[in-house]
Amino acid sequence: MNALKVLQVILSAQDVPVYPVAIPQTARLPCVVTSMVSERANTRLDDVFGQYEAICHVSCHEATPGAAVDLGEAIKTLLMQTTQASIDGGNILVCCFKGTVDFTDYDDDRTVFRRVMDFRIQWWPQ
């Protein structure tokens, strides 16, 4: 399992489509896009086999600035509550931590607004 699959599972609790890497041209708003910045094996916890850590961007796309910020808050709350959460039928434990990236922007024609945040995702087999 990789970080984007982990995020897909966690974010499926929201009633918003989640796309890895890019939004399909046929997608409608609101939606969330995830992308991986970095990933590495994590050996800090007594060399636990199979523990991984990744930094991921989560981009919340909406039709208005306020809606983009609100969707971002809902996503942030969900991810920050993910501590020792079991996914994949209980086979994987996950923890999510908020990073320092958190900005808003919009496309040139001002029809899509977004909030981009980064999170550190840790996961390992149970």
Protein backbone atom coordinates (compact mmCIF):
# COMPACT_ATOMS: atom_id res chain seq x y z
CA MET A 1 0.00 0.00 0.00
CA ASN A 2 1.26 3.53 -0.72
CA ALA A 3 0.40 6.91 0.78
CA LEU A 4 -2.11 7.87 -1.91
CA LYS A 5 -4.02 4.61 -1.41
CA VAL A 6 -4.00 5.22 2.35
CA LEU A 7 -5.42 8.72 1.81
CA GLN A 8 -8.03 7.37 -0.63
CA VAL A 9 -9.31 4.99 2.05
CA ILE A 10 -9.36 7.60 4.82
CA LEU A 11 -10.89 10.38 2.71
CA SER A 12 -13.64 8.09 1.40
CA ALA A 13 -15.46 9.01 4.66
CA GLN A 14 -16.17 12.41 3.04
CA ASP A 15 -18.91 12.64 0.43
CA VAL A 16 -16.47 14.14 -2.10
CA PRO A 17 -14.59 12.43 -4.95
CA VAL A 18 -10.87 11.96 -4.26
CA TYR A 19 -8.47 11.79 -7.22
CA PRO A 20 -4.79 10.87 -7.09
CA VAL A 21 -2.38 13.28 -8.84
CA ALA A 22 -4.78 15.11 -11.21
CA ILE A 23 -8.44 15.97 -11.68
CA PRO A 24 -10.05 14.23 -14.66
CA GLN A 25 -11.43 16.67 -17.22
CA THR A 26 -14.95 15.37 -16.58
CA ALA A 27 -14.76 15.89 -12.78
CA ARG A 28 -17.21 18.17 -11.02
CA LEU A 29 -16.73 20.33 -7.97
CA PRO A 30 -16.23 19.80 -5.12
CA CYS A 31 -13.37 17.33 -5.26
CA VAL A 32 -10.07 16.54 -3.58
CA VAL A 33 -6.74 15.79 -5.25
CA THR A 34 -3.90 14.01 -3.47
CA SER A 35 -0.26 13.97 -4.52
CA MET A 36 2.85 12.54 -2.95
CA VAL A 37 5.81 14.81 -2.18
CA SER A 38 8.07 12.16 -0.65
CA GLU A 39 7.98 8.68 0.83
CA ARG A 40 10.47 6.65 2.82
CA ALA A 41 10.76 3.60 5.01
CA ASN A 42 10.67 4.68 8.64
CA THR A 43 12.97 2.79 10.99
CA ARG A 44 12.72 5.05 14.02
CA LEU A 45 10.37 2.83 16.02
CA ASP A 46 12.58 -0.10 16.95
CA ASP A 47 13.03 -1.04 13.30
CA VAL A 48 9.39 -2.00 12.83
CA PHE A 49 9.32 -3.86 9.52
CA GLY A 50 7.13 -2.31 6.88
CA GLN A 51 6.58 1.07 8.49
CA TYR A 52 6.42 3.92 5.99
CA GLU A 53 6.12 7.67 6.14
CA ALA A 54 5.12 10.07 3.38
CA ILE A 55 4.50 13.76 2.91
CA CYS A 56 1.40 14.35 0.79
CA HIS A 57 -0.41 17.40 -0.53
CA VAL A 58 -4.17 17.41 -0.24
CA SER A 59 -5.84 19.94 -2.53
CA CYS A 60 -9.49 20.84 -1.93
CA HIS A 61 -11.22 22.22 -5.05
CA GLU A 62 -14.47 24.18 -4.83
CA ALA A 63 -16.53 26.78 -6.72
CA THR A 64 -16.18 29.57 -4.13
CA PRO A 65 -13.34 30.68 -1.85
CA GLY A 66 -15.34 30.05 1.33
CA ALA A 67 -16.37 26.59 0.21
CA ALA A 68 -12.73 25.68 -0.54
CA VAL A 69 -11.68 26.79 2.94
CA ASP A 70 -14.59 24.91 4.55
CA LEU A 71 -13.85 21.71 2.64
CA GLY A 72 -10.22 22.05 3.69
CA GLU A 73 -11.27 22.34 7.34
CA ALA A 74 -13.38 19.18 7.07
CA ILE A 75 -10.50 17.27 5.46
CA LYS A 76 -8.01 18.61 8.02
CA THR A 77 -10.27 17.56 10.91
CA LEU A 78 -10.75 14.08 9.48
CA LEU A 79 -7.04 13.51 8.86
CA MET A 80 -5.92 14.92 12.20
CA GLN A 81 -8.34 12.55 13.95
CA THR A 82 -6.68 9.62 12.18
CA THR A 83 -4.44 8.32 14.95
CA GLN A 84 -3.75 4.60 15.21
CA ALA A 85 -6.66 4.04 12.81
CA SER A 86 -7.10 0.60 11.26
CA ILE A 87 -7.73 0.37 7.53
CA ASP A 88 -7.58 -2.35 4.88
CA GLY A 89 -9.69 -4.75 6.91
CA GLY A 90 -7.70 -4.00 10.06
CA ASN A 91 -4.37 -4.99 8.49
CA ILE A 92 -2.83 -1.49 8.40
CA LEU A 93 -2.48 1.11 11.16
CA VAL A 94 -2.34 4.78 10.11
CA CYS A 95 -1.46 8.09 11.76
CA CYS A 96 -1.79 11.50 10.07
CA PHE A 97 -0.15 14.77 11.12
CA LYS A 98 -0.67 18.27 9.71
CA GLY A 99 2.35 19.82 8.02
CA THR A 100 3.21 23.48 7.54
CA VAL A 101 1.97 23.99 3.98
CA ASP A 102 -1.51 25.51 3.92
CA PHE A 103 -2.40 28.00 1.19
CA THR A 104 -5.28 29.05 -1.00
CA ASP A 105 -5.34 30.02 -4.67
CA TYR A 106 -7.58 30.01 -7.75
CA ASP A 107 -7.47 29.35 -11.48
CA ASP A 108 -7.14 32.15 -14.03
CA ASP A 109 -10.85 32.44 -14.80
CA ARG A 110 -11.78 32.33 -11.09
CA THR A 111 -14.18 29.42 -11.44
CA VAL A 112 -12.17 27.02 -9.28
CA PHE A 113 -10.74 27.87 -5.88
CA ARG A 114 -8.48 25.59 -3.90
CA ARG A 115 -6.92 25.06 -0.53
CA VAL A 116 -3.71 23.04 -0.49
CA MET A 117 -2.37 21.50 2.72
CA ASP A 118 0.35 18.99 3.42
CA PHE A 119 0.19 16.06 5.81
CA ARG A 120 2.67 13.52 7.11
CA ILE A 121 1.15 10.05 6.79
CA GLN A 122 2.60 7.07 8.66
CA TRP A 123 1.38 3.50 8.13
CA TRP A 124 2.52 0.00 9.03
CA PRO A 125 1.14 -3.54 9.09
CA GLN A 126 -0.67 -4.62 12.22
